[in-house]
Amino acid sequence: MRTVRTSRTAATAALLAGAALLGGLAVPGTAAAASPTPTTAATDGEAPAPTEAGTSFRAATAVSPGQRATAQASTGDYLYWQFPADTGDRATVRATVTLPETSARSAAATWRIDVYDGLRRRQACTHGSDARALAADARTVTLTCHLPTVRGWAEPWSNDPLPGAYYVRLTATRLAATDIGLPFDAALDVSAEDAGAAADVDGRLSEPLVQGSSATVEPEDGWASGWWSARWLWTATGAALAALAGIWGYTLTRGNGRPGVPGRP
């Protein structure tokens, strides 16, 4: 019985070690990354935050997540920015419009932000206020758009967001003709957090959707290679635990491993 007890102890210890391995491994992307604090100043060699916006898709100003882009324009203008979003990112776009105290607006106006992916497909916000009315006597309005999780691959017929450049357009709609041309200040904040392993899919694009423009956007750590997925880790860990469980079950059922001798108890 000493042999059986030793085998059971070893197998149990191996199984516990496998469970500890499963619980202790840090799965990439399972914890949501904290949204960086927006900043308008360059730190640690980073490029300074932009202080202007483009007037078309091709001239969209590049902004990195965590930066605060600013611009001055006139009501009636269209402002464009672009930012990178990679596989598994959940991006949030916030735009703030501030009118001067001396604004002589005669009526309320509606401000709107629209977000497009690299194929120029408008992406619907999962929640937030992407259009809001600004009363004639109000000075500031904030628009927010929480985007769906970026997928590594999608069916051709779907409108799922794919990795690449994303474009933000800010403008005033339902604007009184007498209020066109009034100055305003705009600020854009973009943040992104990792959706985790739940967003992994079995597929990837060969290249991110980044079309030609006056600026190039890319994540700080580069685009995801696409082949890695947390599913690989879960599959390997599950296989290891299954093997350990099989060994443990075998030791419980095989007895002491010595054939019986006739005439002996």
Protein backbone atom coordinates (compact mmCIF):
# COMPACT_ATOMS: atom_id res chain seq x y z
CA MET A 1 0.00 0.00 0.00
CA ARG A 2 2.97 2.32 0.32
CA THR A 3 3.36 2.37 -3.46
CA VAL A 4 -0.30 3.27 -4.02
CA ARG A 5 -0.21 6.04 -1.42
CA THR A 6 2.95 7.51 -2.95
CA SER A 7 1.45 7.47 -6.46
CA ARG A 8 -1.73 9.13 -5.30
CA THR A 9 0.20 11.80 -3.49
CA ALA A 10 2.37 12.53 -6.51
CA ALA A 11 -0.60 12.63 -8.88
CA THR A 12 -2.58 14.90 -6.56
CA ALA A 13 0.37 17.24 -6.22
CA ALA A 14 0.74 17.36 -10.01
CA LEU A 15 -2.96 18.14 -10.46
CA LEU A 16 -2.82 20.90 -7.86
CA ALA A 17 0.25 22.32 -9.56
CA GLY A 18 -1.62 22.37 -12.87
CA ALA A 19 -4.57 24.14 -11.27
CA ALA A 20 -2.22 26.66 -9.72
CA LEU A 21 -0.64 27.16 -13.12
CA LEU A 22 -4.05 27.84 -14.66
CA GLY A 23 -5.00 30.27 -11.92
CA GLY A 24 -1.66 32.03 -11.81
CA LEU A 25 -1.05 32.58 -15.52
CA ALA A 26 -1.81 36.07 -16.69
CA VAL A 27 -3.88 35.84 -19.85
CA PRO A 28 -3.02 38.71 -22.19
CA GLY A 29 -5.87 41.14 -22.57
CA THR A 30 -8.18 39.74 -19.90
CA ALA A 31 -7.88 42.80 -17.73
CA ALA A 32 -9.14 46.06 -19.19
CA ALA A 33 -6.36 48.54 -19.61
CA ALA A 34 -6.85 51.77 -17.76
CA SER A 35 -7.74 54.65 -20.06
CA PRO A 36 -4.78 57.02 -20.31
CA THR A 37 -5.18 60.54 -19.01
CA PRO A 38 -5.66 62.97 -21.88
CA THR A 39 -2.80 65.38 -22.28
CA THR A 40 -1.97 68.23 -24.62
CA ALA A 41 1.75 68.31 -23.87
CA ALA A 42 4.46 66.01 -25.19
CA THR A 43 6.05 63.74 -22.56
CA ASP A 44 8.89 61.21 -22.73
CA GLY A 45 9.65 62.04 -26.34
CA GLU A 46 6.05 61.65 -27.54
CA ALA A 47 4.75 63.84 -30.34
CA PRO A 48 2.82 66.90 -29.14
CA ALA A 49 -0.94 66.75 -29.27
CA PRO A 50 -2.36 68.31 -32.44
CA THR A 51 -3.79 71.82 -32.29
CA GLU A 52 -5.67 71.74 -35.59
CA ALA A 53 -8.07 69.49 -37.46
CA GLY A 54 -8.37 68.42 -41.06
CA THR A 55 -11.16 69.43 -43.41
CA SER A 56 -11.64 66.06 -45.17
CA PHE A 57 -11.02 62.34 -44.71
CA ARG A 58 -7.73 62.46 -46.59
CA ALA A 59 -6.55 65.47 -44.60
CA ALA A 60 -7.71 64.14 -41.21
CA THR A 61 -5.33 65.05 -38.39
CA ALA A 62 -3.77 62.05 -36.60
CA VAL A 63 -4.31 61.80 -32.84
CA SER A 64 -3.15 59.04 -30.51
CA PRO A 65 -5.36 57.55 -27.79
CA GLY A 66 -4.65 59.41 -24.58
CA GLN A 67 -3.95 62.73 -26.29
CA ARG A 68 -6.28 65.74 -26.31
CA ALA A 69 -6.50 67.26 -29.75
CA THR A 70 -7.71 70.85 -30.03
CA ALA A 71 -8.74 73.07 -32.89
CA GLN A 72 -10.29 76.44 -33.62
CA ALA A 73 -12.85 76.74 -36.39
CA SER A 74 -16.06 78.44 -37.46
CA THR A 75 -19.57 77.06 -37.22
CA GLY A 76 -20.45 75.37 -40.46
CA ASP A 77 -16.97 73.85 -40.85
CA TYR A 78 -16.34 70.10 -40.87
CA LEU A 79 -13.48 68.96 -38.63
CA TYR A 80 -11.75 65.59 -39.17
CA TRP A 81 -9.37 63.58 -36.98
CA GLN A 82 -8.13 60.01 -37.27
CA PHE A 83 -6.86 57.54 -34.68
CA PRO A 84 -5.72 53.89 -34.71
CA ALA A 85 -7.82 51.05 -33.28
CA ASP A 86 -6.47 47.52 -33.17
CA THR A 87 -8.04 44.11 -32.63
CA GLY A 88 -9.79 43.88 -29.25
CA ASP A 89 -9.90 47.65 -28.66
CA ARG A 90 -12.99 49.34 -27.29
CA ALA A 91 -12.59 52.97 -28.23
CA THR A 92 -14.41 55.95 -26.77
CA VAL A 93 -14.52 59.31 -28.55
CA ARG A 94 -15.44 62.53 -26.73
CA ALA A 95 -15.71 65.90 -28.41
CA THR A 96 -16.26 69.16 -26.56
CA VAL A 97 -17.40 72.33 -28.31
CA THR A 98 -16.98 75.68 -26.56
CA LEU A 99 -18.34 78.96 -27.93
CA PRO A 100 -17.02 82.33 -26.76
CA GLU A 101 -18.97 84.45 -24.33
CA THR A 102 -19.41 87.08 -27.00
CA SER A 103 -21.19 84.65 -29.27
CA ALA A 104 -24.17 86.32 -30.87
CA ARG A 105 -26.09 83.21 -31.79
CA SER A 106 -29.71 83.70 -32.68
CA ALA A 107 -30.95 80.13 -32.31
CA ALA A 108 -30.13 76.71 -30.94
CA ALA A 109 -27.95 74.35 -32.96
CA THR A 110 -27.34 70.61 -32.99
CA TRP A 111 -23.75 69.34 -32.88
CA ARG A 112 -22.80 65.87 -34.04
CA ILE A 113 -19.83 63.50 -34.21
CA ASP A 114 -19.65 60.63 -36.68
CA VAL A 115 -17.04 57.85 -36.56
CA TYR A 116 -15.99 55.91 -39.66
CA ASP A 117 -13.69 52.93 -40.06
CA GLY A 118 -10.93 52.49 -42.63
CA LEU A 119 -13.49 51.56 -45.31
CA ARG A 120 -15.39 54.81 -44.67
CA ARG A 121 -18.26 52.87 -43.11
CA ARG A 122 -20.03 54.80 -40.39
CA GLN A 123 -19.85 52.93 -37.08
CA ALA A 124 -22.86 53.14 -34.80
CA CYS A 125 -22.22 54.00 -31.17
CA THR A 126 -23.10 51.29 -28.66
CA HIS A 127 -24.07 54.01 -26.22
CA GLY A 128 -23.44 57.69 -25.59
CA SER A 129 -24.71 60.93 -27.09
CA ASP A 130 -23.24 61.45 -30.55
CA ALA A 131 -25.65 64.32 -31.28
CA ARG A 132 -26.80 66.98 -28.85
CA ALA A 133 -28.59 70.31 -29.05
CA LEU A 134 -26.90 73.46 -27.78
CA ALA A 135 -29.29 76.16 -26.58
CA ALA A 136 -28.83 79.68 -27.87
CA ASP A 137 -27.68 80.89 -24.45
CA ALA A 138 -25.38 77.90 -23.70
CA ARG A 139 -21.65 77.86 -24.39
CA THR A 140 -20.48 74.23 -24.11
CA VAL A 141 -21.68 70.85 -25.31
CA THR A 142 -19.98 67.44 -25.01
CA LEU A 143 -20.58 64.56 -27.40
CA THR A 144 -19.64 60.96 -26.58
CA CYS A 145 -19.51 57.82 -28.71
CA HIS A 146 -18.59 54.40 -27.31
CA LEU A 147 -17.65 52.19 -30.25
CA PRO A 148 -18.12 48.43 -30.59
CA THR A 149 -15.13 46.15 -29.98
CA VAL A 150 -12.77 46.02 -32.95
CA ARG A 151 -12.70 42.51 -34.46
CA GLY A 152 -9.70 40.84 -36.03
CA TRP A 153 -11.85 39.52 -38.86
CA ALA A 154 -15.47 39.73 -40.01
CA GLU A 155 -17.75 38.46 -42.74
CA PRO A 156 -17.73 40.59 -45.92
CA TRP A 157 -21.44 41.37 -45.54
CA SER A 158 -21.18 42.56 -41.95
CA ASN A 159 -20.52 46.07 -40.67
CA ASP A 160 -18.30 44.93 -37.80
CA PRO A 161 -15.46 47.34 -36.96
CA LEU A 162 -12.09 46.10 -38.19
CA PRO A 163 -8.54 47.09 -37.19
CA GLY A 164 -7.13 50.16 -38.86
CA ALA A 165 -7.63 53.91 -38.97
CA TYR A 166 -10.83 55.42 -37.59
CA TYR A 167 -12.07 58.86 -38.60
CA VAL A 168 -13.99 61.32 -36.45
CA ARG A 169 -16.03 64.09 -38.04
CA LEU A 170 -17.39 66.98 -35.97
CA THR A 171 -19.84 69.54 -37.28
CA ALA A 172 -22.92 71.58 -36.42
CA THR A 173 -26.24 70.58 -37.94
CA ARG A 174 -29.58 72.40 -37.93
CA LEU A 175 -27.64 75.63 -37.81
CA ALA A 176 -29.40 78.95 -38.40
CA ALA A 177 -28.10 80.76 -41.46
CA THR A 178 -27.35 83.86 -39.38
CA ASP A 179 -25.11 81.80 -37.06
CA ILE A 180 -22.84 80.38 -39.75
CA GLY A 181 -19.25 81.50 -39.41
CA LEU A 182 -19.20 82.10 -35.65
CA PRO A 183 -15.91 81.00 -34.01
CA PHE A 184 -15.70 78.03 -31.64
CA ASP A 185 -13.09 75.88 -29.89
CA ALA A 186 -13.11 72.10 -30.25
CA ALA A 187 -11.38 69.46 -28.13
CA LEU A 188 -11.21 65.74 -28.94
CA ASP A 189 -10.33 62.96 -26.48
CA VAL A 190 -9.85 59.38 -27.64
CA SER A 191 -9.36 56.47 -25.25
CA ALA A 192 -9.18 52.72 -25.77
CA GLU A 193 -9.30 49.72 -23.48
CA ASP A 194 -8.71 46.05 -24.15
CA ALA A 195 -11.86 43.94 -24.39
CA GLY A 196 -9.96 40.80 -23.34
CA ALA A 197 -10.01 37.23 -24.58
CA ALA A 198 -13.79 37.22 -25.01
CA ALA A 199 -13.35 39.29 -28.18
CA ASP A 200 -10.95 36.82 -29.86
CA VAL A 201 -12.01 35.37 -33.20
CA ASP A 202 -10.51 32.70 -35.45
CA GLY A 203 -9.37 34.94 -38.27
CA ARG A 204 -7.45 38.08 -39.09
CA LEU A 205 -6.94 40.69 -41.78
CA SER A 206 -3.75 40.48 -43.80
CA GLU A 207 -3.29 44.24 -43.33
CA PRO A 208 -5.00 46.89 -41.17
CA LEU A 209 -7.44 49.18 -42.98
CA VAL A 210 -5.31 52.28 -43.37
CA GLN A 211 -5.94 54.15 -46.59
CA GLY A 212 -3.76 56.88 -48.03
CA SER A 213 -3.96 60.20 -46.22
CA SER A 214 -1.77 63.10 -45.23
CA ALA A 215 -1.00 61.42 -41.91
CA THR A 216 -0.26 57.87 -40.83
CA VAL A 217 -1.75 56.36 -37.69
CA GLU A 218 -0.46 53.29 -35.87
CA PRO A 219 -0.83 51.95 -32.31
CA GLU A 220 2.01 52.77 -29.94
CA ASP A 221 3.15 49.11 -29.86
CA GLY A 222 2.45 48.49 -33.55
CA TRP A 223 -0.39 46.53 -35.12
CA ALA A 224 -1.24 43.11 -33.71
CA SER A 225 0.34 40.26 -35.68
CA GLY A 226 -3.01 38.50 -35.74
CA TRP A 227 -1.79 34.93 -35.17
CA TRP A 228 -1.69 35.19 -31.37
CA SER A 229 -4.89 34.65 -29.44
CA ALA A 230 -5.62 33.91 -25.80
CA ARG A 231 -7.43 30.84 -27.11
CA TRP A 232 -4.01 29.25 -27.71
CA LEU A 233 -3.16 29.61 -24.02
CA TRP A 234 -6.51 28.29 -22.83
CA THR A 235 -6.30 25.33 -25.21
CA ALA A 236 -2.77 24.41 -24.11
CA THR A 237 -3.61 24.77 -20.42
CA GLY A 238 -6.79 22.73 -20.80
CA ALA A 239 -4.87 19.95 -22.56
CA ALA A 240 -2.26 19.90 -19.79
CA LEU A 241 -4.91 19.67 -17.08
CA ALA A 242 -6.75 16.94 -18.98
CA ALA A 243 -3.51 14.91 -19.16
CA LEU A 244 -2.88 15.38 -15.43
CA ALA A 245 -6.45 14.35 -14.63
CA GLY A 246 -6.01 11.22 -16.76
CA ILE A 247 -2.83 10.29 -14.90
CA TRP A 248 -4.51 10.85 -11.55
CA GLY A 249 -7.52 8.73 -12.55
CA TYR A 250 -5.24 5.94 -13.74
CA THR A 251 -3.37 5.81 -10.44
CA LEU A 252 -6.68 5.56 -8.56
CA THR A 253 -7.89 2.57 -10.57
CA ARG A 254 -4.79 0.47 -11.27
CA GLY A 255 -4.22 -0.72 -7.67
CA ASN A 256 -0.72 -1.34 -6.36
CA GLY A 257 0.55 -2.44 -9.76
CA ARG A 258 1.59 -6.03 -8.66
CA PRO A 259 -0.18 -9.16 -9.99
CA GLY A 260 -1.79 -11.39 -7.41
CA VAL A 261 0.06 -14.59 -6.28
CA PRO A 262 -2.10 -17.78 -5.95
CA GLY A 263 -2.41 -19.03 -2.42
CA ARG A 264 -1.47 -15.68 -0.86
CA PRO A 265 -3.94 -13.18 0.63
